[in-house]
N, C-alpha and C. Protein backbone atom coordinates (compact mmCIF):
# COMPACT_ATOMS: atom_id res chain seq x y z
N MET A 1 107.98 190.69 81.71
CA MET A 1 107.07 190.33 82.77
C MET A 1 107.46 188.99 83.40
N ARG A 2 107.76 188.01 82.56
CA ARG A 2 108.16 186.70 83.07
C ARG A 2 109.47 186.79 83.85
N ARG A 3 110.40 187.53 83.32
CA ARG A 3 111.69 187.66 83.98
C ARG A 3 111.54 188.30 85.35
N LEU A 4 110.69 189.26 85.48
CA LEU A 4 110.45 189.93 86.74
C LEU A 4 109.89 188.95 87.78
N ASN A 5 109.00 188.07 87.37
CA ASN A 5 108.44 187.07 88.28
C ASN A 5 109.51 186.11 88.77
N ARG A 6 110.41 185.69 87.89
CA ARG A 6 111.49 184.80 88.30
C ARG A 6 112.39 185.46 89.34
N VAL A 7 112.70 186.70 89.14
CA VAL A 7 113.57 187.40 90.08
C VAL A 7 112.88 187.52 91.43
N LYS A 8 111.60 187.82 91.44
CA LYS A 8 110.87 187.93 92.69
C LYS A 8 110.83 186.59 93.42
N LYS A 9 110.59 185.50 92.68
CA LYS A 9 110.57 184.18 93.32
C LYS A 9 111.92 183.85 93.91
N TYR A 10 112.97 184.16 93.17
CA TYR A 10 114.32 183.88 93.67
C TYR A 10 114.60 184.67 94.94
N ARG A 11 114.20 185.90 94.96
CA ARG A 11 114.44 186.73 96.14
C ARG A 11 113.59 186.28 97.32
N LEU A 12 112.43 185.74 97.07
CA LEU A 12 111.60 185.28 98.17
C LEU A 12 112.16 184.02 98.82
N HIS A 13 112.80 183.17 98.04
CA HIS A 13 113.27 181.90 98.57
C HIS A 13 114.75 181.91 98.94
N HIS A 14 115.45 182.93 98.61
CA HIS A 14 116.88 182.99 98.88
C HIS A 14 117.13 183.90 100.07
N HIS A 15 117.64 183.31 101.17
CA HIS A 15 117.93 184.09 102.37
C HIS A 15 119.39 183.90 102.74
N ASP A 16 120.13 184.97 102.81
CA ASP A 16 121.55 184.88 103.14
C ASP A 16 121.80 184.78 104.65
N ASN A 17 120.86 185.16 105.45
CA ASN A 17 121.09 185.22 106.88
C ASN A 17 120.52 184.02 107.64
N GLU A 18 120.29 182.91 106.96
CA GLU A 18 119.75 181.73 107.64
C GLU A 18 120.85 180.97 108.34
N GLU A 19 120.50 180.37 109.46
CA GLU A 19 121.42 179.52 110.19
C GLU A 19 120.81 178.13 110.30
N TYR A 20 121.64 177.12 110.22
CA TYR A 20 121.17 175.75 110.32
C TYR A 20 121.86 175.08 111.50
N ALA A 21 121.10 174.36 112.29
CA ALA A 21 121.65 173.68 113.46
C ALA A 21 122.33 172.39 113.05
N ALA A 22 123.34 171.99 113.81
CA ALA A 22 124.02 170.73 113.56
C ALA A 22 123.14 169.59 114.07
N GLU A 23 123.16 168.46 113.38
CA GLU A 23 122.31 167.35 113.75
C GLU A 23 122.82 166.63 114.99
N LEU A 24 124.10 166.22 114.98
CA LEU A 24 124.62 165.44 116.09
C LEU A 24 125.68 166.19 116.90
N ALA A 25 126.65 166.76 116.23
CA ALA A 25 127.73 167.43 116.92
C ALA A 25 128.20 168.61 116.08
N PRO A 26 128.75 169.61 116.72
CA PRO A 26 129.24 170.76 115.94
C PRO A 26 130.46 170.38 115.13
N GLY A 27 130.62 170.99 113.99
CA GLY A 27 131.78 170.74 113.15
C GLY A 27 133.02 171.43 113.70
N ARG A 28 132.85 172.57 114.30
CA ARG A 28 133.96 173.30 114.89
C ARG A 28 133.49 173.94 116.19
N LEU A 29 134.41 174.02 117.12
CA LEU A 29 134.16 174.75 118.35
C LEU A 29 134.92 176.06 118.26
N TYR A 30 134.26 177.16 118.46
CA TYR A 30 134.90 178.45 118.35
C TYR A 30 135.07 179.07 119.73
N MET A 31 136.29 179.47 120.01
CA MET A 31 136.57 180.13 121.27
C MET A 31 137.24 181.46 120.94
N ALA A 32 136.72 182.51 121.48
CA ALA A 32 137.27 183.84 121.19
C ALA A 32 137.94 184.39 122.44
N LYS A 33 139.06 185.03 122.27
CA LYS A 33 139.79 185.64 123.36
C LYS A 33 140.15 187.05 122.93
N SER A 34 139.80 188.01 123.75
CA SER A 34 140.08 189.39 123.37
C SER A 34 141.25 189.92 124.18
N GLU A 35 142.17 190.55 123.51
CA GLU A 35 143.32 191.19 124.14
C GLU A 35 143.36 192.63 123.64
N GLY A 36 142.95 193.54 124.49
CA GLY A 36 142.96 194.94 124.09
C GLY A 36 141.99 195.18 122.96
N ARG A 37 142.48 195.74 121.88
CA ARG A 37 141.63 196.04 120.74
C ARG A 37 141.59 194.88 119.74
N ASN A 38 142.56 193.97 119.83
CA ASN A 38 142.62 192.86 118.88
C ASN A 38 141.77 191.70 119.40
N LEU A 39 141.04 191.09 118.51
CA LEU A 39 140.24 189.92 118.85
C LEU A 39 140.86 188.71 118.18
N LEU A 40 141.42 187.83 119.00
CA LEU A 40 142.04 186.61 118.48
C LEU A 40 141.02 185.49 118.53
N THR A 41 140.87 184.75 117.46
CA THR A 41 139.92 183.66 117.40
C THR A 41 140.69 182.36 117.26
N PHE A 42 140.44 181.46 118.19
CA PHE A 42 141.06 180.14 118.14
C PHE A 42 140.01 179.15 117.68
N LYS A 43 140.34 178.35 116.68
CA LYS A 43 139.41 177.35 116.15
C LYS A 43 139.94 175.97 116.48
N THR A 44 139.11 175.14 117.07
CA THR A 44 139.49 173.78 117.41
C THR A 44 138.47 172.84 116.78
N ASP A 45 138.94 171.90 115.99
CA ASP A 45 138.05 170.93 115.39
C ASP A 45 137.58 169.93 116.44
N THR A 46 136.37 169.47 116.31
CA THR A 46 135.84 168.44 117.19
C THR A 46 136.61 167.15 116.99
N SER A 47 137.03 166.88 115.78
CA SER A 47 137.76 165.64 115.51
C SER A 47 139.09 165.61 116.25
N VAL A 48 139.73 166.76 116.40
CA VAL A 48 141.01 166.81 117.13
C VAL A 48 140.78 166.52 118.61
N ILE A 49 139.70 167.04 119.16
CA ILE A 49 139.40 166.77 120.56
C ILE A 49 139.12 165.29 120.77
N VAL A 50 138.33 164.70 119.88
CA VAL A 50 138.04 163.26 119.98
C VAL A 50 139.33 162.46 119.81
N GLY A 51 140.21 162.88 118.92
CA GLY A 51 141.48 162.19 118.72
C GLY A 51 142.37 162.23 119.95
N TYR A 52 142.44 163.38 120.61
CA TYR A 52 143.26 163.48 121.83
C TYR A 52 142.66 162.67 122.97
N VAL A 53 141.35 162.62 123.07
CA VAL A 53 140.72 161.78 124.10
C VAL A 53 141.04 160.32 123.84
N ALA A 54 140.96 159.89 122.59
CA ALA A 54 141.29 158.51 122.25
C ALA A 54 142.76 158.20 122.54
N LEU A 55 143.64 159.13 122.20
CA LEU A 55 145.06 158.91 122.46
C LEU A 55 145.34 158.86 123.96
N PHE A 56 144.70 159.71 124.73
CA PHE A 56 144.88 159.68 126.19
C PHE A 56 144.42 158.35 126.75
N LEU A 57 143.25 157.87 126.33
CA LEU A 57 142.75 156.59 126.83
C LEU A 57 143.67 155.44 126.43
N ALA A 58 144.18 155.48 125.21
CA ALA A 58 145.05 154.41 124.74
C ALA A 58 146.37 154.39 125.52
N LEU A 59 146.95 155.56 125.77
CA LEU A 59 148.19 155.61 126.54
C LEU A 59 147.95 155.28 128.01
N PHE A 60 146.82 155.69 128.53
CA PHE A 60 146.46 155.38 129.91
C PHE A 60 146.25 153.88 130.09
N SER A 61 145.82 153.20 129.03
CA SER A 61 145.54 151.77 129.11
C SER A 61 146.80 150.93 129.22
N ILE A 62 147.94 151.49 128.84
CA ILE A 62 149.18 150.73 128.96
C ILE A 62 149.49 150.45 130.43
N THR A 63 149.08 151.35 131.32
CA THR A 63 149.37 151.19 132.74
C THR A 63 148.21 150.64 133.55
N PHE A 64 147.00 151.12 133.29
CA PHE A 64 145.85 150.75 134.10
C PHE A 64 144.74 150.17 133.23
N TYR A 65 144.17 149.04 133.66
CA TYR A 65 143.04 148.39 133.01
C TYR A 65 143.20 148.33 131.48
N PRO A 66 144.16 147.57 131.01
CA PRO A 66 144.44 147.58 129.57
C PRO A 66 143.29 147.09 128.70
N LEU A 67 142.51 146.14 129.17
CA LEU A 67 141.40 145.66 128.33
C LEU A 67 140.30 146.71 128.20
N VAL A 68 139.99 147.38 129.27
CA VAL A 68 138.90 148.37 129.25
C VAL A 68 139.32 149.62 128.50
N PHE A 69 140.40 150.25 128.98
CA PHE A 69 140.82 151.51 128.37
C PHE A 69 141.42 151.32 126.99
N GLY A 70 142.07 150.18 126.75
CA GLY A 70 142.60 149.90 125.41
C GLY A 70 141.48 149.74 124.39
N SER A 71 140.43 149.03 124.78
CA SER A 71 139.29 148.87 123.88
C SER A 71 138.60 150.21 123.62
N LEU A 72 138.44 151.01 124.69
CA LEU A 72 137.86 152.34 124.51
C LEU A 72 138.73 153.22 123.61
N GLY A 73 140.05 153.11 123.78
CA GLY A 73 140.96 153.88 122.93
C GLY A 73 140.84 153.49 121.46
N VAL A 74 140.68 152.19 121.20
CA VAL A 74 140.52 151.73 119.81
C VAL A 74 139.20 152.22 119.23
N VAL A 75 138.12 152.10 119.99
CA VAL A 75 136.80 152.49 119.48
C VAL A 75 136.73 154.00 119.24
N ILE A 76 137.21 154.77 120.21
CA ILE A 76 137.18 156.23 120.05
C ILE A 76 138.19 156.66 118.99
N GLY A 77 139.28 155.92 118.84
CA GLY A 77 140.22 156.19 117.75
C GLY A 77 139.59 155.99 116.39
N LEU A 78 138.77 154.95 116.25
CA LEU A 78 138.03 154.75 115.00
C LEU A 78 137.06 155.90 114.75
N LEU A 79 136.44 156.39 115.81
CA LEU A 79 135.54 157.53 115.69
C LEU A 79 136.31 158.78 115.27
N ALA A 80 137.51 158.96 115.81
CA ALA A 80 138.33 160.11 115.43
C ALA A 80 138.75 160.05 113.97
N VAL A 81 139.09 158.84 113.50
CA VAL A 81 139.43 158.68 112.08
C VAL A 81 138.21 158.99 111.22
N ARG A 82 137.05 158.58 111.67
CA ARG A 82 135.81 158.86 110.93
C ARG A 82 135.53 160.35 110.85
N TYR A 83 135.85 161.09 111.94
CA TYR A 83 135.64 162.54 111.95
C TYR A 83 136.71 163.29 111.17
N GLY A 84 137.86 162.66 110.92
CA GLY A 84 138.86 163.32 110.11
C GLY A 84 140.22 163.50 110.75
N ALA A 85 140.38 163.17 112.02
CA ALA A 85 141.69 163.27 112.68
C ALA A 85 142.42 161.94 112.49
N ARG A 86 142.98 161.76 111.30
CA ARG A 86 143.55 160.47 110.93
C ARG A 86 144.78 160.10 111.75
N THR A 87 145.70 161.01 111.90
CA THR A 87 146.95 160.70 112.61
C THR A 87 146.69 160.37 114.07
N LEU A 88 145.91 161.20 114.74
CA LEU A 88 145.59 160.94 116.15
C LEU A 88 144.80 159.64 116.30
N GLY A 89 143.86 159.43 115.42
CA GLY A 89 143.03 158.23 115.49
C GLY A 89 143.83 156.95 115.28
N PHE A 90 144.69 156.94 114.25
CA PHE A 90 145.49 155.74 113.99
C PHE A 90 146.52 155.51 115.09
N THR A 91 147.06 156.56 115.67
CA THR A 91 148.00 156.41 116.78
C THR A 91 147.29 155.81 117.99
N ALA A 92 146.09 156.30 118.28
CA ALA A 92 145.32 155.76 119.40
C ALA A 92 144.95 154.30 119.15
N ILE A 93 144.59 153.97 117.93
CA ILE A 93 144.26 152.57 117.60
C ILE A 93 145.49 151.68 117.79
N GLY A 94 146.64 152.17 117.38
CA GLY A 94 147.87 151.39 117.54
C GLY A 94 148.23 151.16 118.99
N PHE A 95 148.23 152.21 119.80
CA PHE A 95 148.57 152.05 121.22
C PHE A 95 147.52 151.23 121.96
N GLY A 96 146.25 151.45 121.67
CA GLY A 96 145.20 150.68 122.33
C GLY A 96 145.25 149.21 121.94
N GLY A 97 145.48 148.94 120.66
CA GLY A 97 145.60 147.55 120.21
C GLY A 97 146.81 146.86 120.81
N PHE A 98 147.93 147.58 120.89
CA PHE A 98 149.12 147.03 121.53
C PHE A 98 148.84 146.69 122.98
N SER A 99 148.17 147.58 123.69
CA SER A 99 147.87 147.36 125.10
C SER A 99 146.98 146.15 125.30
N VAL A 100 145.95 146.02 124.48
CA VAL A 100 145.03 144.88 124.61
C VAL A 100 145.74 143.58 124.26
N LEU A 101 146.46 143.55 123.15
CA LEU A 101 147.16 142.32 122.75
C LEU A 101 148.24 141.94 123.76
N PHE A 102 148.98 142.90 124.26
CA PHE A 102 150.04 142.60 125.22
C PHE A 102 149.45 142.06 126.52
N SER A 103 148.33 142.64 126.96
CA SER A 103 147.72 142.15 128.21
C SER A 103 147.14 140.75 128.04
N LEU A 104 146.73 140.38 126.84
CA LEU A 104 146.21 139.03 126.60
C LEU A 104 147.32 138.01 126.36
N LEU A 105 148.37 138.41 125.66
CA LEU A 105 149.42 137.46 125.28
C LEU A 105 150.55 137.34 126.30
N TYR A 106 150.75 138.33 127.15
CA TYR A 106 151.84 138.29 128.13
C TYR A 106 151.73 137.10 129.08
N PRO A 107 150.56 136.79 129.65
CA PRO A 107 150.49 135.60 130.51
C PRO A 107 150.79 134.30 129.75
N LEU A 108 150.42 134.24 128.46
CA LEU A 108 150.72 133.04 127.68
C LEU A 108 152.22 132.91 127.45
N MET A 109 152.90 134.01 127.20
CA MET A 109 154.35 133.96 126.97
C MET A 109 155.09 133.59 128.26
N ILE A 110 154.64 134.08 129.39
CA ILE A 110 155.28 133.77 130.66
C ILE A 110 155.06 132.31 131.02
N SER A 111 153.86 131.79 130.77
CA SER A 111 153.57 130.38 131.13
C SER A 111 154.31 129.40 130.21
N ALA A 112 154.70 129.84 129.03
CA ALA A 112 155.43 128.95 128.10
C ALA A 112 156.84 128.68 128.59
N PHE A 113 157.42 129.60 129.35
CA PHE A 113 158.78 129.40 129.84
C PHE A 113 158.69 128.78 131.17
């Protein structure tokens, strides 16, 4: 009798078909593409997208507005590292930091000569 009650309680509280919403951002973005009878599923991590945005901003900062875009590249690169895209994030931090430091130190080096 006791065992039967435990099983019933477990079945009442255990639901396999529940879905939970993400709090801030999705963990993965799913894009499906169908070709004929085969369904190909492409999975893209959010961290990879954030990493590429940071890398784009960091590389863009080398040419235009190095303080603004370089700082944004560093901050978003830190966010990408936090999400898990370590290589993209650290590359963006490196290029953004180089851009910011070069834009600050280049006038000092030119004025010294």
